[in-house]
Amino acid sequence: MSDIQRLNPTAQWSDATCFNGIIHFVEVPESGKTMAEQTHALLAQAERTLAAMNSDKSRLLMAMIYMPDLANRAEFNQIWQAWLPAGCAPSRACVKAELASPDDLLEIVFTAARA
């Protein structure tokens, strides 16, 4: 029996994985055309994934944010800061990168602690 928990595993990926109480997952916005719409959608998705893995946004450890256009960073940061609980900002990096879909304005890799 594996000591790795996988959420909705497929042949290509799992929605999240957990090992030794540390959760790893990636979110790509499921909806939205603007940076604000995509950011709100992605963060709502992250909350659902965290809940499914027995965690929440106050337990985020790291976020790696990928954006094809860093001109959107300030708008993203406003939404990100409002979304995080006070005093719970994770370590993070924001990197310019080409994403798999030209319609996506961001993608985030999260690491969190299980509750």
PDB file of N, CA and C in Angstrom:
ATOM      1  N   MET A   1       0.841  -1.183   0.000  1.00  0.00           N
ATOM      2  CA  MET A   1       0.000   0.000   0.000  1.00  0.00           C
ATOM      3  C   MET A   1       0.888   1.249   0.000  1.00  0.00           C
ATOM      4  N   SER A   2       0.526   2.227  -0.811  1.00  0.00           N
ATOM      5  CA  SER A   2       1.322   3.441  -0.953  1.00  0.00           C
ATOM      6  C   SER A   2       1.051   4.408   0.196  1.00  0.00           C
ATOM      7  N   ASP A   3       2.085   5.107   0.632  1.00  0.00           N
ATOM      8  CA  ASP A   3       1.918   6.145   1.639  1.00  0.00           C
ATOM      9  C   ASP A   3       1.733   7.510   0.974  1.00  0.00           C
ATOM     10  N   ILE A   4       1.577   7.493  -0.336  1.00  0.00           N
ATOM     11  CA  ILE A   4       1.292   8.712  -1.094  1.00  0.00           C
ATOM     12  C   ILE A   4      -0.197   8.727  -1.412  1.00  0.00           C
ATOM     13  N   GLN A   5      -0.871   9.803  -1.047  1.00  0.00           N
ATOM     14  CA  GLN A   5      -2.292   9.955  -1.378  1.00  0.00           C
ATOM     15  C   GLN A   5      -2.392  10.763  -2.654  1.00  0.00           C
ATOM     16  N   ARG A   6      -3.243  10.306  -3.577  1.00  0.00           N
ATOM     17  CA  ARG A   6      -3.446  11.004  -4.848  1.00  0.00           C
ATOM     18  C   ARG A   6      -4.920  11.352  -4.993  1.00  0.00           C
ATOM     19  N   LEU A   7      -5.195  12.586  -5.368  1.00  0.00           N
ATOM     20  CA  LEU A   7      -6.565  13.054  -5.582  1.00  0.00           C
ATOM     21  C   LEU A   7      -6.879  12.972  -7.074  1.00  0.00           C
ATOM     22  N   ASN A   8      -7.884  12.200  -7.426  1.00  0.00           N
ATOM     23  CA  ASN A   8      -8.337  12.047  -8.818  1.00  0.00           C
ATOM     24  C   ASN A   8      -7.195  11.722  -9.777  1.00  0.00           C
ATOM     25  N   PRO A   9      -6.458  10.626  -9.535  1.00  0.00           N
ATOM     26  CA  PRO A   9      -5.345  10.303 -10.424  1.00  0.00           C
ATOM     27  C   PRO A   9      -5.833   9.869 -11.811  1.00  0.00           C
ATOM     28  N   THR A  10      -5.101  10.283 -12.826  1.00  0.00           N
ATOM     29  CA  THR A  10      -5.334   9.851 -14.197  1.00  0.00           C
ATOM     30  C   THR A  10      -4.015   9.284 -14.715  1.00  0.00           C
ATOM     31  N   ALA A  11      -3.989   8.879 -15.962  1.00  0.00           N
ATOM     32  CA  ALA A  11      -2.751   8.368 -16.548  1.00  0.00           C
ATOM     33  C   ALA A  11      -1.697   9.463 -16.680  1.00  0.00           C
ATOM     34  N   GLN A  12      -2.133  10.726 -16.763  1.00  0.00           N
ATOM     35  CA  GLN A  12      -1.204  11.832 -16.994  1.00  0.00           C
ATOM     36  C   GLN A  12      -0.874  12.646 -15.741  1.00  0.00           C
ATOM     37  N   TRP A  13      -1.818  12.822 -14.820  1.00  0.00           N
ATOM     38  CA  TRP A  13      -1.583  13.601 -13.605  1.00  0.00           C
ATOM     39  C   TRP A  13      -2.623  13.265 -12.545  1.00  0.00           C
ATOM     40  N   SER A  14      -2.358  13.737 -11.335  1.00  0.00           N
ATOM     41  CA  SER A  14      -3.327  13.717 -10.238  1.00  0.00           C
ATOM     42  C   SER A  14      -3.666  15.165  -9.928  1.00  0.00           C
ATOM     43  N   ASP A  15      -4.891  15.407  -9.458  1.00  0.00           N
ATOM     44  CA  ASP A  15      -5.264  16.778  -9.103  1.00  0.00           C
ATOM     45  C   ASP A  15      -4.417  17.291  -7.946  1.00  0.00           C
ATOM     46  N   ALA A  16      -3.997  16.396  -7.072  1.00  0.00           N
ATOM     47  CA  ALA A  16      -3.102  16.750  -5.963  1.00  0.00           C
ATOM     48  C   ALA A  16      -2.461  15.464  -5.459  1.00  0.00           C
ATOM     49  N   THR A  17      -1.303  15.615  -4.822  1.00  0.00           N
ATOM     50  CA  THR A  17      -0.648  14.494  -4.161  1.00  0.00           C
ATOM     51  C   THR A  17      -0.236  14.941  -2.767  1.00  0.00           C
ATOM     52  N   CYS A  18      -0.188  13.982  -1.853  1.00  0.00           N
ATOM     53  CA  CYS A  18       0.226  14.283  -0.483  1.00  0.00           C
ATOM     54  C   CYS A  18       1.170  13.196  -0.002  1.00  0.00           C
ATOM     55  N   PHE A  19       2.296  13.620   0.569  1.00  0.00           N
ATOM     56  CA  PHE A  19       3.276  12.712   1.141  1.00  0.00           C
ATOM     57  C   PHE A  19       3.812  13.347   2.418  1.00  0.00           C
ATOM     58  N   ASN A  20       3.811  12.587   3.498  1.00  0.00           N
ATOM     59  CA  ASN A  20       4.294  13.078   4.793  1.00  0.00           C
ATOM     60  C   ASN A  20       3.630  14.384   5.216  1.00  0.00           C
ATOM     61  N   GLY A  21       2.347  14.528   4.920  1.00  0.00           N
ATOM     62  CA  GLY A  21       1.596  15.699   5.344  1.00  0.00           C
ATOM     63  C   GLY A  21       1.794  16.937   4.488  1.00  0.00           C
ATOM     64  N   ILE A  22       2.548  16.807   3.395  1.00  0.00           N
ATOM     65  CA  ILE A  22       2.781  17.936   2.492  1.00  0.00           C
ATOM     66  C   ILE A  22       2.011  17.683   1.192  1.00  0.00           C
ATOM     67  N   ILE A  23       1.201  18.654   0.806  1.00  0.00           N
ATOM     68  CA  ILE A  23       0.335  18.562  -0.365  1.00  0.00           C
ATOM     69  C   ILE A  23       0.961  19.363  -1.504  1.00  0.00           C
ATOM     70  N   HIS A  24       0.935  18.770  -2.691  1.00  0.00           N
ATOM     71  CA  HIS A  24       1.431  19.426  -3.903  1.00  0.00           C
ATOM     72  C   HIS A  24       0.309  19.419  -4.929  1.00  0.00           C
ATOM     73  N   PHE A  25       0.057  20.560  -5.565  1.00  0.00           N
ATOM     74  CA  PHE A  25      -0.946  20.597  -6.624  1.00  0.00           C
ATOM     75  C   PHE A  25      -0.741  21.811  -7.519  1.00  0.00           C
ATOM     76  N   VAL A  26      -1.337  21.740  -8.691  1.00  0.00           N
ATOM     77  CA  VAL A  26      -1.234  22.796  -9.695  1.00  0.00           C
ATOM     78  C   VAL A  26      -2.638  23.218 -10.085  1.00  0.00           C
ATOM     79  N   GLU A  27      -2.840  24.510 -10.241  1.00  0.00           N
ATOM     80  CA  GLU A  27      -4.132  25.011 -10.720  1.00  0.00           C
ATOM     81  C   GLU A  27      -3.920  25.872 -11.962  1.00  0.00           C
ATOM     82  N   VAL A  28      -4.784  25.630 -12.944  1.00  0.00           N
ATOM     83  CA  VAL A  28      -4.897  26.426 -14.157  1.00  0.00           C
ATOM     84  C   VAL A  28      -6.338  26.913 -14.180  1.00  0.00           C
ATOM     85  N   PRO A  29      -6.602  28.174 -14.471  1.00  0.00           N
ATOM     86  CA  PRO A  29      -7.982  28.670 -14.400  1.00  0.00           C
ATOM     87  C   PRO A  29      -8.926  27.910 -15.331  1.00  0.00           C
ATOM     88  N   GLU A  30     -10.055  27.496 -14.765  1.00  0.00           N
ATOM     89  CA  GLU A  30     -11.074  26.778 -15.536  1.00  0.00           C
ATOM     90  C   GLU A  30     -11.999  27.726 -16.289  1.00  0.00           C
ATOM     91  N   SER A  31     -11.942  29.016 -15.948  1.00  0.00           N
ATOM     92  CA  SER A  31     -12.827  29.982 -16.604  1.00  0.00           C
ATOM     93  C   SER A  31     -12.214  31.373 -16.528  1.00  0.00           C
ATOM     94  N   GLY A  32     -12.805  32.284 -17.292  1.00  0.00           N
ATOM     95  CA  GLY A  32     -12.406  33.688 -17.260  1.00  0.00           C
ATOM     96  C   GLY A  32     -11.565  34.085 -18.461  1.00  0.00           C
ATOM     97  N   LYS A  33     -11.700  35.338 -18.834  1.00  0.00           N
ATOM     98  CA  LYS A  33     -10.927  35.893 -19.958  1.00  0.00           C
ATOM     99  C   LYS A  33      -9.907  36.914 -19.472  1.00  0.00           C
ATOM    100  N   THR A  34     -10.251  37.679 -18.417  1.00  0.00           N
ATOM    101  CA  THR A  34      -9.355  38.710 -17.898  1.00  0.00           C
ATOM    102  C   THR A  34      -8.484  38.139 -16.774  1.00  0.00           C
ATOM    103  N   MET A  35      -7.450  38.863 -16.406  1.00  0.00           N
ATOM    104  CA  MET A  35      -6.592  38.436 -15.294  1.00  0.00           C
ATOM    105  C   MET A  35      -7.401  38.310 -14.012  1.00  0.00           C
ATOM    106  N   ALA A  36      -8.263  39.282 -13.736  1.00  0.00           N
ATOM    107  CA  ALA A  36      -9.078  39.222 -12.517  1.00  0.00           C
ATOM    108  C   ALA A  36      -9.993  38.002 -12.524  1.00  0.00           C
ATOM    109  N   GLU A  37     -10.674  37.752 -13.616  1.00  0.00           N
ATOM    110  CA  GLU A  37     -11.590  36.601 -13.692  1.00  0.00           C
ATOM    111  C   GLU A  37     -10.831  35.292 -13.535  1.00  0.00           C
ATOM    112  N   GLN A  38      -9.703  35.173 -14.225  1.00  0.00           N
ATOM    113  CA  GLN A  38      -8.932  33.936 -14.127  1.00  0.00           C
ATOM    114  C   GLN A  38      -8.328  33.748 -12.739  1.00  0.00           C
ATOM    115  N   THR A  39      -7.877  34.828 -12.122  1.00  0.00           N
ATOM    116  CA  THR A  39      -7.298  34.730 -10.782  1.00  0.00           C
ATOM    117  C   THR A  39      -8.357  34.290  -9.776  1.00  0.00           C
ATOM    118  N   HIS A  40      -9.527  34.909  -9.817  1.00  0.00           N
ATOM    119  CA  HIS A  40     -10.600  34.514  -8.894  1.00  0.00           C
ATOM    120  C   HIS A  40     -10.997  33.053  -9.119  1.00  0.00           C
ATOM    121  N   ALA A  41     -11.112  32.631 -10.367  1.00  0.00           N
ATOM    122  CA  ALA A  41     -11.463  31.242 -10.664  1.00  0.00           C
ATOM    123  C   ALA A  41     -10.397  30.290 -10.133  1.00  0.00           C
ATOM    124  N   LEU A  42      -9.141  30.598 -10.395  1.00  0.00           N
ATOM    125  CA  LEU A  42      -8.045  29.727  -9.970  1.00  0.00           C
ATOM    126  C   LEU A  42      -7.973  29.628  -8.449  1.00  0.00           C
ATOM    127  N   LEU A  43      -8.123  30.737  -7.752  1.00  0.00           N
ATOM    128  CA  LEU A  43      -8.046  30.705  -6.287  1.00  0.00           C
ATOM    129  C   LEU A  43      -9.222  29.950  -5.683  1.00  0.00           C
ATOM    130  N   ALA A  44     -10.400  30.033  -6.286  1.00  0.00           N
ATOM    131  CA  ALA A  44     -11.550  29.241  -5.823  1.00  0.00           C
ATOM    132  C   ALA A  44     -11.272  27.752  -6.040  1.00  0.00           C
ATOM    133  N   GLN A  45     -10.677  27.416  -7.170  1.00  0.00           N
ATOM    134  CA  GLN A  45     -10.300  26.025  -7.433  1.00  0.00           C
ATOM    135  C   GLN A  45      -9.297  25.550  -6.385  1.00  0.00           C
ATOM    136  N   ALA A  46      -8.313  26.391  -6.057  1.00  0.00           N
ATOM    137  CA  ALA A  46      -7.301  26.029  -5.061  1.00  0.00           C
ATOM    138  C   ALA A  46      -7.948  25.753  -3.710  1.00  0.00           C
ATOM    139  N   GLU A  47      -8.920  26.562  -3.335  1.00  0.00           N
ATOM    140  CA  GLU A  47      -9.618  26.331  -2.063  1.00  0.00           C
ATOM    141  C   GLU A  47     -10.324  24.982  -2.061  1.00  0.00           C
ATOM    142  N   ARG A  48     -10.936  24.615  -3.185  1.00  0.00           N
ATOM    143  CA  ARG A  48     -11.609  23.311  -3.269  1.00  0.00           C
ATOM    144  C   ARG A  48     -10.599  22.166  -3.177  1.00  0.00           C
ATOM    145  N   THR A  49      -9.471  22.313  -3.850  1.00  0.00           N
ATOM    146  CA  THR A  49      -8.442  21.266  -3.793  1.00  0.00           C
ATOM    147  C   THR A  49      -7.900  21.143  -2.375  1.00  0.00           C
ATOM    148  N   LEU A  50      -7.599  22.272  -1.749  1.00  0.00           N
ATOM    149  CA  LEU A  50      -7.118  22.235  -0.371  1.00  0.00           C
ATOM    150  C   LEU A  50      -8.116  21.547   0.558  1.00  0.00           C
ATOM    151  N   ALA A  51      -9.391  21.876   0.438  1.00  0.00           N
ATOM    152  CA  ALA A  51     -10.423  21.256   1.280  1.00  0.00           C
ATOM    153  C   ALA A  51     -10.474  19.747   1.042  1.00  0.00           C
ATOM    154  N   ALA A  52     -10.369  19.335  -0.214  1.00  0.00           N
ATOM    155  CA  ALA A  52     -10.406  17.907  -0.540  1.00  0.00           C
ATOM    156  C   ALA A  52      -9.219  17.155   0.044  1.00  0.00           C
ATOM    157  N   MET A  53      -8.127  17.876   0.301  1.00  0.00           N
ATOM    158  CA  MET A  53      -6.916  17.271   0.864  1.00  0.00           C
ATOM    159  C   MET A  53      -6.758  17.586   2.354  1.00  0.00           C
ATOM    160  N   ASN A  54      -7.832  18.035   2.998  1.00  0.00           N
ATOM    161  CA  ASN A  54      -7.832  18.328   4.434  1.00  0.00           C
ATOM    162  C   ASN A  54      -6.852  19.446   4.789  1.00  0.00           C
ATOM    163  N   SER A  55      -6.982  20.558   4.075  1.00  0.00           N
ATOM    164  CA  SER A  55      -6.145  21.719   4.347  1.00  0.00           C
ATOM    165  C   SER A  55      -6.926  22.978   3.992  1.00  0.00           C
ATOM    166  N   ASP A  56      -6.288  24.125   4.083  1.00  0.00           N
ATOM    167  CA  ASP A  56      -6.917  25.384   3.674  1.00  0.00           C
ATOM    168  C   ASP A  56      -5.822  26.394   3.337  1.00  0.00           C
ATOM    169  N   LYS A  57      -6.223  27.555   2.842  1.00  0.00           N
ATOM    170  CA  LYS A  57      -5.255  28.537   2.356  1.00  0.00           C
ATOM    171  C   LYS A  57      -4.358  29.108   3.456  1.00  0.00           C
ATOM    172  N   SER A  58      -4.731  28.963   4.710  1.00  0.00           N
ATOM    173  CA  SER A  58      -3.864  29.431   5.803  1.00  0.00           C
ATOM    174  C   SER A  58      -2.661  28.504   5.988  1.00  0.00           C
ATOM    175  N   ARG A  59      -2.682  27.332   5.314  1.00  0.00           N
ATOM    176  CA  ARG A  59      -1.625  26.341   5.468  1.00  0.00           C
ATOM    177  C   ARG A  59      -0.724  26.249   4.232  1.00  0.00           C
ATOM    178  N   LEU A  60      -0.830  27.247   3.344  1.00  0.00           N
ATOM    179  CA  LEU A  60       0.046  27.261   2.165  1.00  0.00           C
ATOM    180  C   LEU A  60       1.485  27.494   2.588  1.00  0.00           C
ATOM    181  N   LEU A  61       2.391  26.741   1.991  1.00  0.00           N
ATOM    182  CA  LEU A  61       3.816  26.867   2.280  1.00  0.00           C
ATOM    183  C   LEU A  61       4.562  27.580   1.159  1.00  0.00           C
ATOM    184  N   MET A  62       4.156  27.328  -0.087  1.00  0.00           N
ATOM    185  CA  MET A  62       4.874  27.842  -1.253  1.00  0.00           C
ATOM    186  C   MET A  62       3.911  28.001  -2.409  1.00  0.00           C
ATOM    187  N   ALA A  63       4.129  29.023  -3.217  1.00  0.00           N
ATOM    188  CA  ALA A  63       3.381  29.204  -4.461  1.00  0.00           C
ATOM    189  C   ALA A  63       4.359  29.640  -5.545  1.00  0.00           C
ATOM    190  N   MET A  64       4.329  28.931  -6.659  1.00  0.00           N
ATOM    191  CA  MET A  64       5.131  29.294  -7.834  1.00  0.00           C
ATOM    192  C   MET A  64       4.136  29.749  -8.894  1.00  0.00           C
ATOM    193  N   ILE A  65       4.154  31.035  -9.195  1.00  0.00           N
ATOM    194  CA  ILE A  65       3.178  31.645 -10.089  1.00  0.00           C
ATOM    195  C   ILE A  65       3.827  31.843 -11.454  1.00  0.00           C
ATOM    196  N   TYR A  66       3.167  31.337 -12.478  1.00  0.00           N
ATOM    197  CA  TYR A  66       3.653  31.477 -13.849  1.00  0.00           C
ATOM    198  C   TYR A  66       2.703  32.382 -14.614  1.00  0.00           C
ATOM    199  N   MET A  67       3.258  33.385 -15.306  1.00  0.00           N
ATOM    200  CA  MET A  67       2.470  34.312 -16.126  1.00  0.00           C
ATOM    201  C   MET A  67       3.195  34.557 -17.444  1.00  0.00           C
ATOM    202  N   PRO A  68       2.469  34.538 -18.558  1.00  0.00           N
ATOM    203  CA  PRO A  68       3.123  34.874 -19.818  1.00  0.00           C
ATOM    204  C   PRO A  68       3.408  36.371 -19.947  1.00  0.00           C
ATOM    205  N   ASP A  69       2.682  37.199 -19.188  1.00  0.00           N
ATOM    206  CA  ASP A  69       2.863  38.653 -19.272  1.00  0.00           C
ATOM    207  C   ASP A  69       2.921  39.229 -17.860  1.00  0.00           C
ATOM    208  N   LEU A  70       4.114  39.617 -17.424  1.00  0.00           N
ATOM    209  CA  LEU A  70       4.273  40.141 -16.064  1.00  0.00           C
ATOM    210  C   LEU A  70       3.636  41.513 -15.880  1.00  0.00           C
ATOM    211  N   ALA A  71       3.138  42.106 -16.930  1.00  0.00           N
ATOM    212  CA  ALA A  71       2.388  43.358 -16.794  1.00  0.00           C
ATOM    213  C   ALA A  71       1.106  43.124 -15.989  1.00  0.00           C
ATOM    214  N   ASN A  72       0.652  41.886 -15.902  1.00  0.00           N
ATOM    215  CA  ASN A  72      -0.548  41.532 -15.132  1.00  0.00           C
ATOM    216  C   ASN A  72      -0.263  41.300 -13.653  1.00  0.00           C
ATOM    217  N   ARG A  73       0.997  41.367 -13.274  1.00  0.00           N
ATOM    218  CA  ARG A  73       1.395  41.024 -11.902  1.00  0.00           C
ATOM    219  C   ARG A  73       0.750  41.912 -10.845  1.00  0.00           C
ATOM    220  N   ALA A  74       0.685  43.212 -11.060  1.00  0.00           N
ATOM    221  CA  ALA A  74       0.116  44.118 -10.056  1.00  0.00           C
ATOM    222  C   ALA A  74      -1.359  43.797  -9.814  1.00  0.00           C
ATOM    223  N   GLU A  75      -2.107  43.565 -10.878  1.00  0.00           N
ATOM    224  CA  GLU A  75      -3.528  43.216 -10.730  1.00  0.00           C
ATOM    225  C   GLU A  75      -3.673  41.894  -9.993  1.00  0.00           C
ATOM    226  N   PHE A  76      -2.853  40.918 -10.345  1.00  0.00           N
ATOM    227  CA  PHE A  76      -2.864  39.626  -9.660  1.00  0.00           C
ATOM    228  C   PHE A  76      -2.555  39.810  -8.177  1.00  0.00           C
ATOM    229  N   ASN A  77      -1.503  40.587  -7.863  1.00  0.00           N
ATOM    230  CA  ASN A  77      -1.079  40.759  -6.474  1.00  0.00           C
ATOM    231  C   ASN A  77      -2.179  41.340  -5.592  1.00  0.00           C
ATOM    232  N   GLN A  78      -2.962  42.265  -6.114  1.00  0.00           N
ATOM    233  CA  GLN A  78      -4.083  42.831  -5.336  1.00  0.00           C
ATOM    234  C   GLN A  78      -5.073  41.745  -4.940  1.00  0.00           C
ATOM    235  N   ILE A  79      -5.433  40.902  -5.887  1.00  0.00           N
ATOM    236  CA  ILE A  79      -6.404  39.827  -5.620  1.00  0.00           C
ATOM    237  C   ILE A  79      -5.786  38.793  -4.691  1.00  0.00           C
ATOM    238  N   TRP A  80      -4.543  38.438  -4.932  1.00  0.00           N
ATOM    239  CA  TRP A  80      -3.818  37.456  -4.119  1.00  0.00           C
ATOM    240  C   TRP A  80      -3.757  37.909  -2.659  1.00  0.00           C
ATOM    241  N   GLN A  81      -3.372  39.161  -2.432  1.00  0.00           N
ATOM    242  CA  GLN A  81      -3.243  39.668  -1.073  1.00  0.00           C
ATOM    243  C   GLN A  81      -4.592  39.702  -0.350  1.00  0.00           C
ATOM    244  N   ALA A  82      -5.658  40.041  -1.063  1.00  0.00           N
ATOM    245  CA  ALA A  82      -6.997  40.062  -0.460  1.00  0.00           C
ATOM    246  C   ALA A  82      -7.478  38.652  -0.140  1.00  0.00           C
ATOM    247  N   TRP A  83      -7.034  37.672  -0.912  1.00  0.00           N
ATOM    248  CA  TRP A  83      -7.460  36.272  -0.739  1.00  0.00           C
ATOM    249  C   TRP A  83      -6.780  35.602   0.447  1.00  0.00           C
ATOM    250  N   LEU A  84      -5.531  35.946   0.694  1.00  0.00           N
ATOM    251  CA  LEU A  84      -4.780  35.284   1.769  1.00  0.00           C
ATOM    252  C   LEU A  84      -5.219  35.775   3.143  1.00  0.00           C
ATOM    253  N   PRO A  85      -5.307  34.864   4.122  1.00  0.00           N
ATOM    254  CA  PRO A  85      -5.564  35.296   5.494  1.00  0.00           C
ATOM    255  C   PRO A  85      -4.370  36.121   6.005  1.00  0.00           C
ATOM    256  N   ALA A  86      -4.630  37.084   6.852  1.00  0.00           N
ATOM    257  CA  ALA A  86      -3.566  37.933   7.407  1.00  0.00           C
ATOM    258  C   ALA A  86      -2.499  37.077   8.073  1.00  0.00           C
ATOM    259  N   GLY A  87      -1.257  37.389   7.771  1.00  0.00           N
ATOM    260  CA  GLY A  87      -0.131  36.694   8.389  1.00  0.00           C
ATOM    261  C   GLY A  87       0.143  35.312   7.836  1.00  0.00           C
ATOM    262  N   CYS A  88      -0.523  34.917   6.744  1.00  0.00           N
ATOM    263  CA  CYS A  88      -0.386  33.552   6.224  1.00  0.00           C
ATOM    264  C   CYS A  88       0.190  33.487   4.813  1.00  0.00           C
ATOM    265  N   ALA A  89       0.859  34.541   4.366  1.00  0.00           N
ATOM    266  CA  ALA A  89       1.423  34.513   3.017  1.00  0.00           C
ATOM    267  C   ALA A  89       2.506  33.439   2.917  1.00  0.00           C
ATOM    268  N   PRO A  90       2.444  32.602   1.885  1.00  0.00           N
ATOM    269  CA  PRO A  90       3.470  31.576   1.704  1.00  0.00           C
ATOM    270  C   PRO A  90       4.715  32.168   1.039  1.00  0.00           C
ATOM    271  N   SER A  91       5.794  31.417   1.033  1.00  0.00           N
ATOM    272  CA  SER A  91       6.930  31.764   0.181  1.00  0.00           C
ATOM    273  C   SER A  91       6.407  31.705  -1.249  1.00  0.00           C
ATOM    274  N   ARG A  92       6.914  32.569  -2.129  1.00  0.00           N
ATOM    275  CA  ARG A  92       6.410  32.517  -3.497  1.00  0.00           C
ATOM    276  C   ARG A  92       7.403  33.125  -4.473  1.00  0.00           C
ATOM    277  N   ALA A  93       7.205  32.758  -5.714  1.00  0.00           N
ATOM    278  CA  ALA A  93       7.955  33.350  -6.827  1.00  0.00           C
ATOM    279  C   ALA A  93       6.966  33.583  -7.947  1.00  0.00           C
ATOM    280  N   CYS A  94       7.241  34.585  -8.761  1.00  0.00           N
ATOM    281  CA  CYS A  94       6.406  34.883  -9.919  1.00  0.00           C
ATOM    282  C   CYS A  94       7.342  34.904 -11.126  1.00  0.00           C
ATOM    283  N   VAL A  95       7.072  34.029 -12.080  1.00  0.00           N
ATOM    284  CA  VAL A  95       7.966  33.809 -13.192  1.00  0.00           C
ATOM    285  C   VAL A  95       7.247  34.040 -14.516  1.00  0.00           C
ATOM    286  N   LYS A  96       7.923  34.692 -15.440  1.00  0.00           N
ATOM    287  CA  LYS A  96       7.387  34.839 -16.789  1.00  0.00           C
ATOM    288  C   LYS A  96       7.621  33.527 -17.528  1.00  0.00           C
ATOM    289  N   ALA A  97       6.531  32.976 -18.102  1.00  0.00           N
ATOM    290  CA  ALA A  97       6.638  31.690 -18.798  1.00  0.00           C
ATOM    291  C   ALA A  97       5.544  31.552 -19.846  1.00  0.00           C
ATOM    292  N   GLU A  98       5.868  30.846 -20.911  1.00  0.00           N
ATOM    293  CA  GLU A  98       4.855  30.496 -21.899  1.00  0.00           C
ATOM    294  C   GLU A  98       4.036  29.348 -21.328  1.00  0.00           C
ATOM    295  N   LEU A  99       2.709  29.495 -21.333  1.00  0.00           N
ATOM    296  CA  LEU A  99       1.834  28.458 -20.784  1.00  0.00           C
ATOM    297  C   LEU A  99       1.304  27.571 -21.901  1.00  0.00           C
ATOM    298  N   ALA A 100       0.782  26.413 -21.530  1.00  0.00           N
ATOM    299  CA  ALA A 100       0.319  25.432 -22.512  1.00  0.00           C
ATOM    300  C   ALA A 100      -0.802  25.973 -23.395  1.00  0.00           C
ATOM    301  N   SER A 101      -1.700  26.770 -22.813  1.00  0.00           N
ATOM    302  CA  SER A 101      -2.791  27.362 -23.584  1.00  0.00           C
ATOM    303  C   SER A 101      -2.566  28.859 -23.723  1.00  0.00           C
ATOM    304  N   PRO A 102      -2.677  29.398 -24.924  1.00  0.00           N
ATOM    305  CA  PRO A 102      -2.505  30.847 -25.088  1.00  0.00           C
ATOM    306  C   PRO A 102      -3.616  31.662 -24.416  1.00  0.00           C
ATOM    307  N   ASP A 103      -4.713  31.018 -24.029  1.00  0.00           N
ATOM    308  CA  ASP A 103      -5.808  31.703 -23.345  1.00  0.00           C
ATOM    309  C   ASP A 103      -5.566  31.863 -21.849  1.00  0.00           C
ATOM    310  N   ASP A 104      -4.647  31.076 -21.293  1.00  0.00           N
ATOM    311  CA  ASP A 104      -4.365  31.132 -19.858  1.00  0.00           C
ATOM    312  C   ASP A 104      -3.426  32.289 -19.548  1.00  0.00           C
ATOM    313  N   LEU A 105      -3.794  33.067 -18.546  1.00  0.00           N
ATOM    314  CA  LEU A 105      -2.996  34.211 -18.120  1.00  0.00           C
ATOM    315  C   LEU A 105      -2.140  33.905 -16.893  1.00  0.00           C
ATOM    316  N   LEU A 106      -2.397  32.756 -16.266  1.00  0.00           N
ATOM    317  CA  LEU A 106      -1.595  32.340 -15.120  1.00  0.00           C
ATOM    318  C   LEU A 106      -1.779  30.866 -14.840  1.00  0.00           C
ATOM    319  N   GLU A 107      -0.833  30.328 -14.105  1.00  0.00           N
ATOM    320  CA  GLU A 107      -0.853  28.957 -13.599  1.00  0.00           C
ATOM    321  C   GLU A 107      -0.088  29.008 -12.289  1.00  0.00           C
ATOM    322  N   ILE A 108      -0.560  28.275 -11.288  1.00  0.00           N
ATOM    323  CA  ILE A 108       0.116  28.309  -9.983  1.00  0.00           C
ATOM    324  C   ILE A 108       0.374  26.897  -9.484  1.00  0.00           C
ATOM    325  N   VAL A 109       1.602  26.666  -9.047  1.00  0.00           N
ATOM    326  CA  VAL A 109       2.003  25.419  -8.383  1.00  0.00           C
ATOM    327  C   VAL A 109       1.997  25.718  -6.895  1.00  0.00           C
ATOM    328  N   PHE A 110       1.225  24.941  -6.130  1.00  0.00           N
ATOM    329  CA  PHE A 110       1.083  25.154  -4.696  1.00  0.00           C
ATOM    330  C   PHE A 110       1.721  24.006  -3.899  1.00  0.00           C
ATOM    331  N   THR A 111       2.228  24.348  -2.738  1.00  0.00           N
ATOM    332  CA  THR A 111       2.622  23.372  -1.726  1.00  0.00           C
ATOM    333  C   THR A 111       1.950  23.828  -0.432  1.00  0.00           C
ATOM    334  N   ALA A 112       1.338  22.876   0.283  1.00  0.00           N
ATOM    335  CA  ALA A 112       0.626  23.206   1.519  1.00  0.00           C
ATOM    336  C   ALA A 112       0.816  22.091   2.542  1.00  0.00           C
ATOM    337  N   ALA A 113       0.605  22.432   3.787  1.00  0.00           N
ATOM    338  CA  ALA A 113       0.629  21.450   4.869  1.00  0.00           C
ATOM    339  C   ALA A 113      -0.789  20.940   5.118  1.00  0.00           C
ATOM    340  N   ARG A 114      -0.903  19.653   5.333  1.00  0.00           N
ATOM    341  CA  ARG A 114      -2.189  19.066   5.682  1.00  0.00           C
ATOM    342  C   ARG A 114      -2.552  19.471   7.102  1.00  0.00           C
ATOM    343  N   ALA A 115      -3.823  19.664   7.338  1.00  0.00           N
ATOM    344  CA  ALA A 115      -4.290  20.056   8.687  1.00  0.00           C
ATOM    345  C   ALA A 115      -4.121  18.907   9.658  1.00  0.00           C
TER     346      ALA A 115
END
